[in-house]
Amino acid sequence: MKKSILAVIACLLVICLANSMYTVRENEYACTVRFSKIIETTDEAGLHFKLPFVDSIKYFSKAATLYDIPPSEVFTSDKQNMTVDCYVLWRIEDPLLFFQTLDNTVKAEDRLNAITYTILKNTMSTMAQSDIINMNDGAERNIIYEGIAADVDAEANKYGIQVVDVKIKRFDLPDSNLNAVYNRMISERNQMAEKYTADGNYEASIIRNDVDKQVNILVSNATAEAAKLEAEGEAEYMRLLAEAYNTDDKKEFYEFTLALDALRDSLTGTEKTVILDADSDLAKILMGIN
C-alpha cells in the first residue's frame, strides 16, 4: 500500500514538475498568463518555470510578418476613383500591450487593414491623380510611401505593433478612366517630343546659319584673292608683251601671229571658206603677192 502511495506521489511530482517548466525559442516571446492576465513576459531563449496548473504560456512570434491587404478604393483630390493594392510588413514589439489590445494575429491584421486603409484614403484625398500616375522620378512617390508607412506605424504602436514598411504594389484605374489617363500620358509625351524637335531644329538652324556665313566669307575671300591674282597676272602679261614687242617690226610680227591664230581657229569647223580683205597682209601672203 505504501509503495502504491509513493508511486502516486512520485507520479504527481513528475506531472507537477513537467507542468511547471516551459521553453522559449530565439524568435518568440513567451507570456505567462495567470487568471487571464499576463504576469510576466520574456524573450530570453531557454528553459523557464511557471506555477503548475495555474499559469499558462502564450507565445508570440518576434519575426516580421507580411500581411497582403485586400485591394481597396480611394478618391483623389480631383474626385478620381482609384484602387490601391498594397501590403504591410509588421512585427510584435510589445507583447504585453499586444495581448491586452488584440490577443492574436487575426485581430491584428484586421486592425492593420483598417489603419492602413484610413491613412491611404486620407493621403490620396490630398493628391491629384496626375500627382500619383505620371512619368516623374519614382523617388518622389517613395517619399509619399514613406510618409504613409510612418503614419501607419504611429497608429499601430498603440497595439504593441511595429510597422516595418508599407508598400503599394500597384494603382489600378477604373475602365472609364483608363483611356483618359493613357491619352493624357500620350499627350504629355507628344508635347515633350515636339519640344525636343523644336529645340533641335532651332539649334540646327543656328549651326546652318553659322556654316553658311563661314562659307560665304571663305568664298568671298577666295574670289577676291583670285581676282587680285588674275589682275596681277594680266598686268605681268602685258608688261612682258610690252618688253618683248618694243619695236615696230616686233609689233607687226606679233599682230601677224595673232592673225594666223585667228585664221587657224576659223578653219576648225566644216566651213573652209575664208573671206579676207585684199589689202590685208595675210591675204597678200596667202595669194603670193609681194
C-alpha atoms as a PDB file:
ATOM      1  CA  MET A   1       0.000   0.000   0.000  1.00  0.00           C
ATOM      2  CA  LYS A   2       2.788   2.366   0.906  1.00  0.00           C
ATOM      3  CA  LYS A   3       4.503   1.592  -2.345  1.00  0.00           C
ATOM      4  CA  SER A   4       1.356   2.476  -4.311  1.00  0.00           C
ATOM      5  CA  ILE A   5       1.007   5.783  -2.444  1.00  0.00           C
ATOM      6  CA  LEU A   6       4.639   6.590  -3.047  1.00  0.00           C
ATOM      7  CA  ALA A   7       4.239   5.759  -6.713  1.00  0.00           C
ATOM      8  CA  VAL A   8       1.235   8.055  -6.978  1.00  0.00           C
ATOM      9  CA  ILE A   9       3.067  10.828  -5.159  1.00  0.00           C
ATOM     10  CA  ALA A  10       6.092  10.392  -7.414  1.00  0.00           C
ATOM     11  CA  CYS A  11       3.859  10.451 -10.451  1.00  0.00           C
ATOM     12  CA  LEU A  12       2.162  13.650  -9.256  1.00  0.00           C
ATOM     13  CA  LEU A  13       5.527  15.224  -8.563  1.00  0.00           C
ATOM     14  CA  VAL A  14       6.704  14.388 -12.097  1.00  0.00           C
ATOM     15  CA  ILE A  15       3.487  15.822 -13.578  1.00  0.00           C
ATOM     16  CA  CYS A  16       3.797  18.981 -11.472  1.00  0.00           C
ATOM     17  CA  LEU A  17       7.443  19.365 -12.397  1.00  0.00           C
ATOM     18  CA  ALA A  18       6.721  18.851 -16.066  1.00  0.00           C
ATOM     19  CA  ASN A  19       3.827  21.331 -15.922  1.00  0.00           C
ATOM     20  CA  SER A  20       5.980  23.914 -14.185  1.00  0.00           C
ATOM     21  CA  MET A  21       8.551  24.112 -16.991  1.00  0.00           C
ATOM     22  CA  TYR A  22       8.396  25.673 -20.431  1.00  0.00           C
ATOM     23  CA  THR A  23      10.897  26.608 -23.150  1.00  0.00           C
ATOM     24  CA  VAL A  24      11.324  29.788 -25.160  1.00  0.00           C
ATOM     25  CA  ARG A  25      12.840  29.837 -28.656  1.00  0.00           C
ATOM     26  CA  GLU A  26      15.108  32.509 -30.056  1.00  0.00           C
ATOM     27  CA  ASN A  27      12.444  34.013 -32.360  1.00  0.00           C
ATOM     28  CA  GLU A  28       9.494  34.295 -29.958  1.00  0.00           C
ATOM     29  CA  TYR A  29       8.076  35.967 -26.899  1.00  0.00           C
ATOM     30  CA  ALA A  30       6.622  33.904 -24.054  1.00  0.00           C
ATOM     31  CA  CYS A  31       3.945  35.469 -21.872  1.00  0.00           C
ATOM     32  CA  THR A  32       2.919  33.863 -18.579  1.00  0.00           C
ATOM     33  CA  VAL A  33      -0.869  34.153 -18.208  1.00  0.00           C
ATOM     34  CA  ARG A  34      -2.491  33.783 -14.799  1.00  0.00           C
ATOM     35  CA  PHE A  35      -6.245  34.185 -14.494  1.00  0.00           C
ATOM     36  CA  SER A  36      -6.462  35.831 -17.955  1.00  0.00           C
ATOM     37  CA  LYS A  37      -3.751  38.344 -17.112  1.00  0.00           C
ATOM     38  CA  ILE A  38      -0.130  38.411 -18.192  1.00  0.00           C
ATOM     39  CA  ILE A  39       2.097  38.463 -15.154  1.00  0.00           C
ATOM     40  CA  GLU A  40       5.430  38.011 -16.899  1.00  0.00           C
ATOM     41  CA  THR A  41       6.897  38.370 -20.400  1.00  0.00           C
ATOM     42  CA  THR A  42      10.268  37.093 -21.589  1.00  0.00           C
ATOM     43  CA  ASP A  43      12.114  36.694 -24.864  1.00  0.00           C
ATOM     44  CA  GLU A  44      15.167  35.010 -23.339  1.00  0.00           C
ATOM     45  CA  ALA A  45      15.672  31.683 -25.034  1.00  0.00           C
ATOM     46  CA  GLY A  46      15.949  28.603 -22.826  1.00  0.00           C
ATOM     47  CA  LEU A  47      14.133  26.767 -20.018  1.00  0.00           C
ATOM     48  CA  HIS A  48      11.790  28.700 -17.698  1.00  0.00           C
ATOM     49  CA  PHE A  49       9.458  27.879 -14.812  1.00  0.00           C
ATOM     50  CA  LYS A  50       5.834  28.737 -14.007  1.00  0.00           C
ATOM     51  CA  LEU A  51       3.197  27.849 -11.455  1.00  0.00           C
ATOM     52  CA  PRO A  52       1.849  24.437 -12.494  1.00  0.00           C
ATOM     53  CA  PHE A  53      -1.829  24.086 -13.408  1.00  0.00           C
ATOM     54  CA  VAL A  54      -2.428  27.795 -12.721  1.00  0.00           C
ATOM     55  CA  ASP A  55      -0.230  29.566 -15.226  1.00  0.00           C
ATOM     56  CA  SER A  56      -0.424  29.113 -18.982  1.00  0.00           C
ATOM     57  CA  ILE A  57       2.026  30.281 -21.616  1.00  0.00           C
ATOM     58  CA  LYS A  58       1.108  32.455 -24.593  1.00  0.00           C
ATOM     59  CA  TYR A  59       3.661  32.552 -27.387  1.00  0.00           C
ATOM     60  CA  PHE A  60       4.062  35.365 -29.899  1.00  0.00           C
ATOM     61  CA  SER A  61       6.481  35.385 -32.809  1.00  0.00           C
ATOM     62  CA  LYS A  62       9.191  38.045 -32.920  1.00  0.00           C
ATOM     63  CA  ALA A  63       9.660  37.644 -36.684  1.00  0.00           C
ATOM     64  CA  ALA A  64       8.319  40.169 -39.167  1.00  0.00           C
ATOM     65  CA  THR A  65       5.080  39.121 -40.833  1.00  0.00           C
ATOM     66  CA  LEU A  66       3.836  40.126 -44.267  1.00  0.00           C
ATOM     67  CA  TYR A  67       0.155  40.921 -44.496  1.00  0.00           C
ATOM     68  CA  ASP A  68      -1.254  41.361 -48.014  1.00  0.00           C
ATOM     69  CA  ILE A  69      -4.080  43.867 -47.635  1.00  0.00           C
ATOM     70  CA  PRO A  70      -7.098  43.315 -49.904  1.00  0.00           C
ATOM     71  CA  PRO A  71      -7.377  45.958 -52.667  1.00  0.00           C
ATOM     72  CA  SER A  72      -9.461  48.970 -51.652  1.00  0.00           C
ATOM     73  CA  GLU A  73     -10.839  52.032 -53.418  1.00  0.00           C
ATOM     74  CA  VAL A  74      -9.764  55.600 -52.682  1.00  0.00           C
ATOM     75  CA  PHE A  75     -10.623  59.001 -54.166  1.00  0.00           C
ATOM     76  CA  THR A  76      -8.081  61.603 -55.206  1.00  0.00           C
ATOM     77  CA  SER A  77      -8.451  65.343 -54.632  1.00  0.00           C
ATOM     78  CA  ASP A  78      -9.779  65.729 -58.197  1.00  0.00           C
ATOM     79  CA  LYS A  79     -12.520  63.164 -57.419  1.00  0.00           C
ATOM     80  CA  GLN A  80     -10.963  60.322 -59.406  1.00  0.00           C
ATOM     81  CA  ASN A  81     -11.614  56.775 -58.215  1.00  0.00           C
ATOM     82  CA  MET A  82      -8.569  54.514 -57.845  1.00  0.00           C
ATOM     83  CA  THR A  83      -7.983  51.011 -56.484  1.00  0.00           C
ATOM     84  CA  VAL A  84      -4.923  50.580 -54.242  1.00  0.00           C
ATOM     85  CA  ASP A  85      -3.254  47.198 -53.745  1.00  0.00           C
ATOM     86  CA  CYS A  86      -0.622  47.124 -51.005  1.00  0.00           C
ATOM     87  CA  TYR A  87       0.945  45.046 -48.230  1.00  0.00           C
ATOM     88  CA  VAL A  88       2.217  45.694 -44.697  1.00  0.00           C
ATOM     89  CA  LEU A  89       5.344  44.237 -43.109  1.00  0.00           C
ATOM     90  CA  TRP A  90       4.871  44.194 -39.328  1.00  0.00           C
ATOM     91  CA  ARG A  91       6.087  42.576 -36.098  1.00  0.00           C
ATOM     92  CA  ILE A  92       5.067  42.456 -32.448  1.00  0.00           C
ATOM     93  CA  GLU A  93       7.115  44.966 -30.484  1.00  0.00           C
ATOM     94  CA  ASP A  94       5.308  44.971 -27.122  1.00  0.00           C
ATOM     95  CA  PRO A  95       3.794  41.515 -26.449  1.00  0.00           C
ATOM     96  CA  LEU A  96       2.042  42.663 -23.238  1.00  0.00           C
ATOM     97  CA  LEU A  97       0.265  45.546 -24.992  1.00  0.00           C
ATOM     98  CA  PHE A  98      -0.437  43.335 -27.984  1.00  0.00           C
ATOM     99  CA  PHE A  99      -2.088  40.694 -25.772  1.00  0.00           C
ATOM    100  CA  GLN A 100      -4.118  43.277 -23.883  1.00  0.00           C
ATOM    101  CA  THR A 101      -5.441  45.008 -27.021  1.00  0.00           C
ATOM    102  CA  LEU A 102      -5.588  42.366 -29.757  1.00  0.00           C
ATOM    103  CA  ASP A 103      -4.540  38.965 -28.400  1.00  0.00           C
ATOM    104  CA  ASN A 104      -3.982  37.270 -31.786  1.00  0.00           C
ATOM    105  CA  THR A 105      -2.711  37.885 -35.323  1.00  0.00           C
ATOM    106  CA  VAL A 106      -6.163  37.672 -36.931  1.00  0.00           C
ATOM    107  CA  LYS A 107      -7.366  40.672 -34.957  1.00  0.00           C
ATOM    108  CA  ALA A 108      -4.015  42.379 -35.573  1.00  0.00           C
ATOM    109  CA  GLU A 109      -4.352  42.049 -39.347  1.00  0.00           C
ATOM    110  CA  ASP A 110      -7.941  43.322 -39.216  1.00  0.00           C
ATOM    111  CA  ARG A 111      -6.723  46.347 -37.271  1.00  0.00           C
ATOM    112  CA  LEU A 112      -3.813  46.927 -39.654  1.00  0.00           C
ATOM    113  CA  ASN A 113      -6.230  46.699 -42.571  1.00  0.00           C
ATOM    114  CA  ALA A 114      -8.421  49.443 -41.110  1.00  0.00           C
ATOM    115  CA  ILE A 115      -5.496  51.670 -40.129  1.00  0.00           C
ATOM    116  CA  THR A 116      -3.775  51.382 -43.494  1.00  0.00           C
ATOM    117  CA  TYR A 117      -6.943  51.983 -45.479  1.00  0.00           C
ATOM    118  CA  THR A 118      -7.802  55.094 -43.437  1.00  0.00           C
ATOM    119  CA  ILE A 119      -4.325  56.609 -43.867  1.00  0.00           C
ATOM    120  CA  LEU A 120      -4.210  55.724 -47.563  1.00  0.00           C
ATOM    121  CA  LYS A 121      -7.623  57.306 -48.084  1.00  0.00           C
ATOM    122  CA  ASN A 122      -6.638  60.471 -46.216  1.00  0.00           C
ATOM    123  CA  THR A 123      -3.304  60.767 -48.052  1.00  0.00           C
ATOM    124  CA  MET A 124      -4.696  60.130 -51.526  1.00  0.00           C
ATOM    125  CA  SER A 125      -7.522  62.613 -50.931  1.00  0.00           C
ATOM    126  CA  THR A 126      -4.938  65.413 -50.747  1.00  0.00           C
ATOM    127  CA  MET A 127      -3.325  64.479 -54.089  1.00  0.00           C
ATOM    128  CA  ALA A 128      -4.483  64.783 -57.685  1.00  0.00           C
ATOM    129  CA  GLN A 129      -4.447  61.719 -59.897  1.00  0.00           C
ATOM    130  CA  SER A 130      -1.696  63.311 -62.010  1.00  0.00           C
ATOM    131  CA  ASP A 131       0.479  63.504 -58.872  1.00  0.00           C
ATOM    132  CA  ILE A 132       0.225  59.723 -58.467  1.00  0.00           C
ATOM    133  CA  ILE A 133       0.335  58.485 -62.074  1.00  0.00           C
ATOM    134  CA  ASN A 134       2.976  60.332 -64.072  1.00  0.00           C
ATOM    135  CA  MET A 135       6.405  59.967 -65.678  1.00  0.00           C
ATOM    136  CA  ASN A 136       8.280  61.720 -62.874  1.00  0.00           C
ATOM    137  CA  ASP A 137      11.152  60.229 -60.915  1.00  0.00           C
ATOM    138  CA  GLY A 138       9.956  57.343 -58.732  1.00  0.00           C
ATOM    139  CA  ALA A 139      11.827  58.856 -55.771  1.00  0.00           C
ATOM    140  CA  GLU A 140       9.045  61.445 -55.474  1.00  0.00           C
ATOM    141  CA  ARG A 141       6.453  58.716 -54.874  1.00  0.00           C
ATOM    142  CA  ASN A 142       8.786  56.908 -52.468  1.00  0.00           C
ATOM    143  CA  ILE A 143       8.657  59.961 -50.195  1.00  0.00           C
ATOM    144  CA  ILE A 144       4.858  59.685 -50.166  1.00  0.00           C
ATOM    145  CA  TYR A 145       5.008  55.953 -49.387  1.00  0.00           C
ATOM    146  CA  GLU A 146       7.480  56.511 -46.567  1.00  0.00           C
ATOM    147  CA  GLY A 147       5.096  59.055 -45.043  1.00  0.00           C
ATOM    148  CA  ILE A 148       2.240  56.540 -45.235  1.00  0.00           C
ATOM    149  CA  ALA A 149       4.381  53.862 -43.562  1.00  0.00           C
ATOM    150  CA  ALA A 150       5.359  56.269 -40.766  1.00  0.00           C
ATOM    151  CA  ASP A 151       1.709  57.206 -40.118  1.00  0.00           C
ATOM    152  CA  VAL A 152       0.590  53.575 -40.076  1.00  0.00           C
ATOM    153  CA  ASP A 153       3.421  52.695 -37.671  1.00  0.00           C
ATOM    154  CA  ALA A 154       2.425  55.531 -35.331  1.00  0.00           C
ATOM    155  CA  GLU A 155      -1.139  54.209 -35.131  1.00  0.00           C
ATOM    156  CA  ALA A 156      -0.092  50.561 -34.845  1.00  0.00           C
ATOM    157  CA  ASN A 157       2.198  51.314 -31.885  1.00  0.00           C
ATOM    158  CA  LYS A 158      -0.941  51.727 -29.788  1.00  0.00           C
ATOM    159  CA  TYR A 159      -1.428  47.980 -30.128  1.00  0.00           C
ATOM    160  CA  GLY A 160       2.176  46.932 -29.473  1.00  0.00           C
ATOM    161  CA  ILE A 161       2.865  46.548 -33.192  1.00  0.00           C
ATOM    162  CA  GLN A 162       5.823  47.925 -35.146  1.00  0.00           C
ATOM    163  CA  VAL A 163       5.151  48.513 -38.850  1.00  0.00           C
ATOM    164  CA  VAL A 164       8.393  47.917 -40.706  1.00  0.00           C
ATOM    165  CA  ASP A 165       7.144  49.005 -44.116  1.00  0.00           C
ATOM    166  CA  VAL A 166       4.079  49.690 -46.220  1.00  0.00           C
ATOM    167  CA  LYS A 167       4.476  49.017 -49.935  1.00  0.00           C
ATOM    168  CA  ILE A 168       1.970  49.882 -52.642  1.00  0.00           C
ATOM    169  CA  LYS A 169       2.125  47.159 -55.252  1.00  0.00           C
ATOM    170  CA  ARG A 170       0.001  48.934 -57.828  1.00  0.00           C
ATOM    171  CA  PHE A 171      -2.631  51.560 -58.518  1.00  0.00           C
ATOM    172  CA  ASP A 172      -5.497  50.403 -60.699  1.00  0.00           C
ATOM    173  CA  LEU A 173      -7.853  52.672 -62.557  1.00  0.00           C
ATOM    174  CA  PRO A 174     -11.489  52.028 -63.342  1.00  0.00           C
ATOM    175  CA  ASP A 175     -12.036  51.181 -67.012  1.00  0.00           C
ATOM    176  CA  SER A 176     -13.770  54.508 -67.539  1.00  0.00           C
ATOM    177  CA  ASN A 177     -10.599  56.354 -66.508  1.00  0.00           C
ATOM    178  CA  LEU A 178      -8.004  54.249 -68.308  1.00  0.00           C
ATOM    179  CA  ASN A 179      -8.393  55.832 -71.731  1.00  0.00           C
ATOM    180  CA  ALA A 180      -8.378  59.345 -70.305  1.00  0.00           C
ATOM    181  CA  VAL A 181      -5.169  58.681 -68.365  1.00  0.00           C
ATOM    182  CA  TYR A 182      -3.480  56.978 -71.303  1.00  0.00           C
ATOM    183  CA  ASN A 183      -4.459  59.847 -73.613  1.00  0.00           C
ATOM    184  CA  ARG A 184      -3.114  62.352 -71.116  1.00  0.00           C
ATOM    185  CA  MET A 185       0.179  60.494 -70.840  1.00  0.00           C
ATOM    186  CA  ILE A 186       0.418  60.214 -74.652  1.00  0.00           C
ATOM    187  CA  SER A 187      -0.283  63.942 -74.950  1.00  0.00           C
ATOM    188  CA  GLU A 188       2.465  64.717 -72.434  1.00  0.00           C
ATOM    189  CA  ARG A 189       4.906  62.520 -74.330  1.00  0.00           C
ATOM    190  CA  ASN A 190       3.964  64.179 -77.634  1.00  0.00           C
ATOM    191  CA  GLN A 191       4.438  67.625 -76.124  1.00  0.00           C
ATOM    192  CA  MET A 192       7.874  66.645 -74.875  1.00  0.00           C
ATOM    193  CA  ALA A 193       8.764  65.201 -78.298  1.00  0.00           C
ATOM    194  CA  GLU A 194       7.592  68.381 -80.035  1.00  0.00           C
ATOM    195  CA  LYS A 195       9.644  70.498 -77.659  1.00  0.00           C
ATOM    196  CA  TYR A 196      12.756  68.406 -78.270  1.00  0.00           C
ATOM    197  CA  THR A 197      12.158  68.597 -82.034  1.00  0.00           C
ATOM    198  CA  ALA A 198      11.681  72.375 -81.919  1.00  0.00           C
ATOM    199  CA  ASP A 199      14.817  72.804 -79.803  1.00  0.00           C
ATOM    200  CA  GLY A 200      16.750  70.575 -82.206  1.00  0.00           C
ATOM    201  CA  ASN A 201      15.537  72.483 -85.262  1.00  0.00           C
ATOM    202  CA  TYR A 202      16.459  75.783 -83.601  1.00  0.00           C
ATOM    203  CA  GLU A 203      19.959  74.570 -82.789  1.00  0.00           C
ATOM    204  CA  ALA A 204      20.298  73.129 -86.320  1.00  0.00           C
ATOM    205  CA  SER A 205      19.270  76.464 -87.876  1.00  0.00           C
ATOM    206  CA  ILE A 206      21.881  78.265 -85.774  1.00  0.00           C
ATOM    207  CA  ILE A 207      24.549  75.791 -86.891  1.00  0.00           C
ATOM    208  CA  ARG A 208      23.461  76.021 -90.571  1.00  0.00           C
ATOM    209  CA  ASN A 209      23.440  79.832 -90.480  1.00  0.00           C
ATOM    210  CA  ASP A 210      26.891  79.876 -88.928  1.00  0.00           C
ATOM    211  CA  VAL A 211      28.219  77.409 -91.537  1.00  0.00           C
ATOM    212  CA  ASP A 212      26.646  79.381 -94.398  1.00  0.00           C
ATOM    213  CA  LYS A 213      28.182  82.559 -93.028  1.00  0.00           C
ATOM    214  CA  GLN A 214      31.610  80.943 -92.824  1.00  0.00           C
ATOM    215  CA  VAL A 215      31.232  79.519 -96.365  1.00  0.00           C
ATOM    216  CA  ASN A 216      30.229  82.920 -97.762  1.00  0.00           C
ATOM    217  CA  ILE A 217      33.185  84.546 -96.054  1.00  0.00           C
ATOM    218  CA  LEU A 218      35.588  81.917 -97.434  1.00  0.00           C
ATOM    219  CA  VAL A 219      34.120  82.122-100.962  1.00  0.00           C
ATOM    220  CA  SER A 220      34.200  85.925-100.893  1.00  0.00           C
ATOM    221  CA  ASN A 221      37.788  85.956 -99.692  1.00  0.00           C
ATOM    222  CA  ALA A 222      38.780  83.353-102.279  1.00  0.00           C
ATOM    223  CA  THR A 223      37.051  85.269-105.094  1.00  0.00           C
ATOM    224  CA  ALA A 224      38.735  88.494-104.085  1.00  0.00           C
ATOM    225  CA  GLU A 225      42.101  86.775-103.894  1.00  0.00           C
ATOM    226  CA  ALA A 226      41.559  85.127-107.281  1.00  0.00           C
ATOM    227  CA  ALA A 227      40.587  88.467-108.880  1.00  0.00           C
ATOM    228  CA  LYS A 228      43.649  90.057-107.348  1.00  0.00           C
ATOM    229  CA  LEU A 229      45.911  87.296-108.671  1.00  0.00           C
ATOM    230  CA  GLU A 230      44.264  87.437-112.094  1.00  0.00           C
ATOM    231  CA  ALA A 231      44.765  91.203-112.275  1.00  0.00           C
ATOM    232  CA  GLU A 232      48.370  90.841-111.232  1.00  0.00           C
ATOM    233  CA  GLY A 233      48.813  88.115-113.859  1.00  0.00           C
ATOM    234  CA  GLU A 234      47.269  90.256-116.600  1.00  0.00           C
ATOM    235  CA  ALA A 235      49.449  93.179-115.623  1.00  0.00           C
ATOM    236  CA  GLU A 236      52.544  90.980-115.666  1.00  0.00           C
ATOM    237  CA  TYR A 237      51.478  89.520-119.027  1.00  0.00           C
ATOM    238  CA  MET A 238      51.046  92.956-120.562  1.00  0.00           C
ATOM    239  CA  ARG A 239      54.378  94.031-119.138  1.00  0.00           C
ATOM    240  CA  LEU A 240      56.105  91.026-120.671  1.00  0.00           C
ATOM    241  CA  LEU A 241      54.413  91.676-124.043  1.00  0.00           C
ATOM    242  CA  ALA A 242      55.484  95.276-123.950  1.00  0.00           C
ATOM    243  CA  GLU A 243      59.065  94.252-123.253  1.00  0.00           C
ATOM    244  CA  ALA A 244      59.019  91.532-125.929  1.00  0.00           C
ATOM    245  CA  TYR A 245      57.500  93.685-128.685  1.00  0.00           C
ATOM    246  CA  ASN A 246      59.065  97.054-128.045  1.00  0.00           C
ATOM    247  CA  THR A 247      59.865  97.811-131.748  1.00  0.00           C
ATOM    248  CA  ASP A 248      57.637  98.328-134.840  1.00  0.00           C
ATOM    249  CA  ASP A 249      58.905  95.135-136.511  1.00  0.00           C
ATOM    250  CA  LYS A 250      58.181  93.086-133.426  1.00  0.00           C
ATOM    251  CA  LYS A 251      54.728  94.613-133.112  1.00  0.00           C
ATOM    252  CA  GLU A 252      53.961  93.799-136.775  1.00  0.00           C
ATOM    253  CA  PHE A 253      55.169  90.212-136.249  1.00  0.00           C
ATOM    254  CA  TYR A 254      53.042  89.855-133.135  1.00  0.00           C
ATOM    255  CA  GLU A 255      49.981  91.146-134.958  1.00  0.00           C
ATOM    256  CA  PHE A 256      50.728  88.745-137.827  1.00  0.00           C
ATOM    257  CA  THR A 257      50.907  85.758-135.485  1.00  0.00           C
ATOM    258  CA  LEU A 258      47.629  86.824-133.923  1.00  0.00           C
ATOM    259  CA  ALA A 259      46.079  86.911-137.396  1.00  0.00           C
ATOM    260  CA  LEU A 260      47.369  83.403-138.123  1.00  0.00           C
ATOM    261  CA  ASP A 261      45.930  82.157-134.838  1.00  0.00           C
ATOM    262  CA  ALA A 262      42.592  83.690-135.709  1.00  0.00           C
ATOM    263  CA  LEU A 263      42.702  82.084-139.173  1.00  0.00           C
ATOM    264  CA  ARG A 264      43.528  78.706-137.691  1.00  0.00           C
ATOM    265  CA  ASP A 265      40.687  78.938-135.230  1.00  0.00           C
ATOM    266  CA  SER A 266      38.248  79.820-138.031  1.00  0.00           C
ATOM    267  CA  LEU A 267      39.183  76.710-140.016  1.00  0.00           C
ATOM    268  CA  THR A 268      38.385  74.187-137.314  1.00  0.00           C
ATOM    269  CA  GLY A 269      34.776  73.661-138.447  1.00  0.00           C
ATOM    270  CA  THR A 270      33.356  72.142-141.658  1.00  0.00           C
ATOM    271  CA  GLU A 271      33.310  75.519-143.399  1.00  0.00           C
ATOM    272  CA  LYS A 272      36.725  76.084-145.093  1.00  0.00           C
ATOM    273  CA  THR A 273      35.974  79.355-146.885  1.00  0.00           C
ATOM    274  CA  VAL A 274      37.776  82.432-145.574  1.00  0.00           C
ATOM    275  CA  ILE A 275      36.996  85.974-146.700  1.00  0.00           C
ATOM    276  CA  LEU A 276      39.904  88.381-146.363  1.00  0.00           C
ATOM    277  CA  ASP A 277      40.414  91.964-147.332  1.00  0.00           C
ATOM    278  CA  ALA A 278      42.591  92.187-150.435  1.00  0.00           C
ATOM    279  CA  ASP A 279      44.673  94.828-148.726  1.00  0.00           C
ATOM    280  CA  SER A 280      45.427  92.711-145.679  1.00  0.00           C
ATOM    281  CA  ASP A 281      48.941  91.425-145.266  1.00  0.00           C
ATOM    282  CA  LEU A 282      47.645  87.922-144.588  1.00  0.00           C
ATOM    283  CA  ALA A 283      45.715  87.833-147.855  1.00  0.00           C
ATOM    284  CA  LYS A 284      48.740  89.054-149.736  1.00  0.00           C
ATOM    285  CA  ILE A 285      50.893  86.298-148.199  1.00  0.00           C
ATOM    286  CA  LEU A 286      48.321  83.585-148.909  1.00  0.00           C
ATOM    287  CA  MET A 287      47.868  84.819-152.510  1.00  0.00           C
ATOM    288  CA  GLY A 288      51.615  85.092-153.083  1.00  0.00           C
ATOM    289  CA  ILE A 289      51.502  88.798-153.638  1.00  0.00           C
ATOM    290  CA  ASN A 290      54.690  90.590-152.616  1.00  0.00           C
END
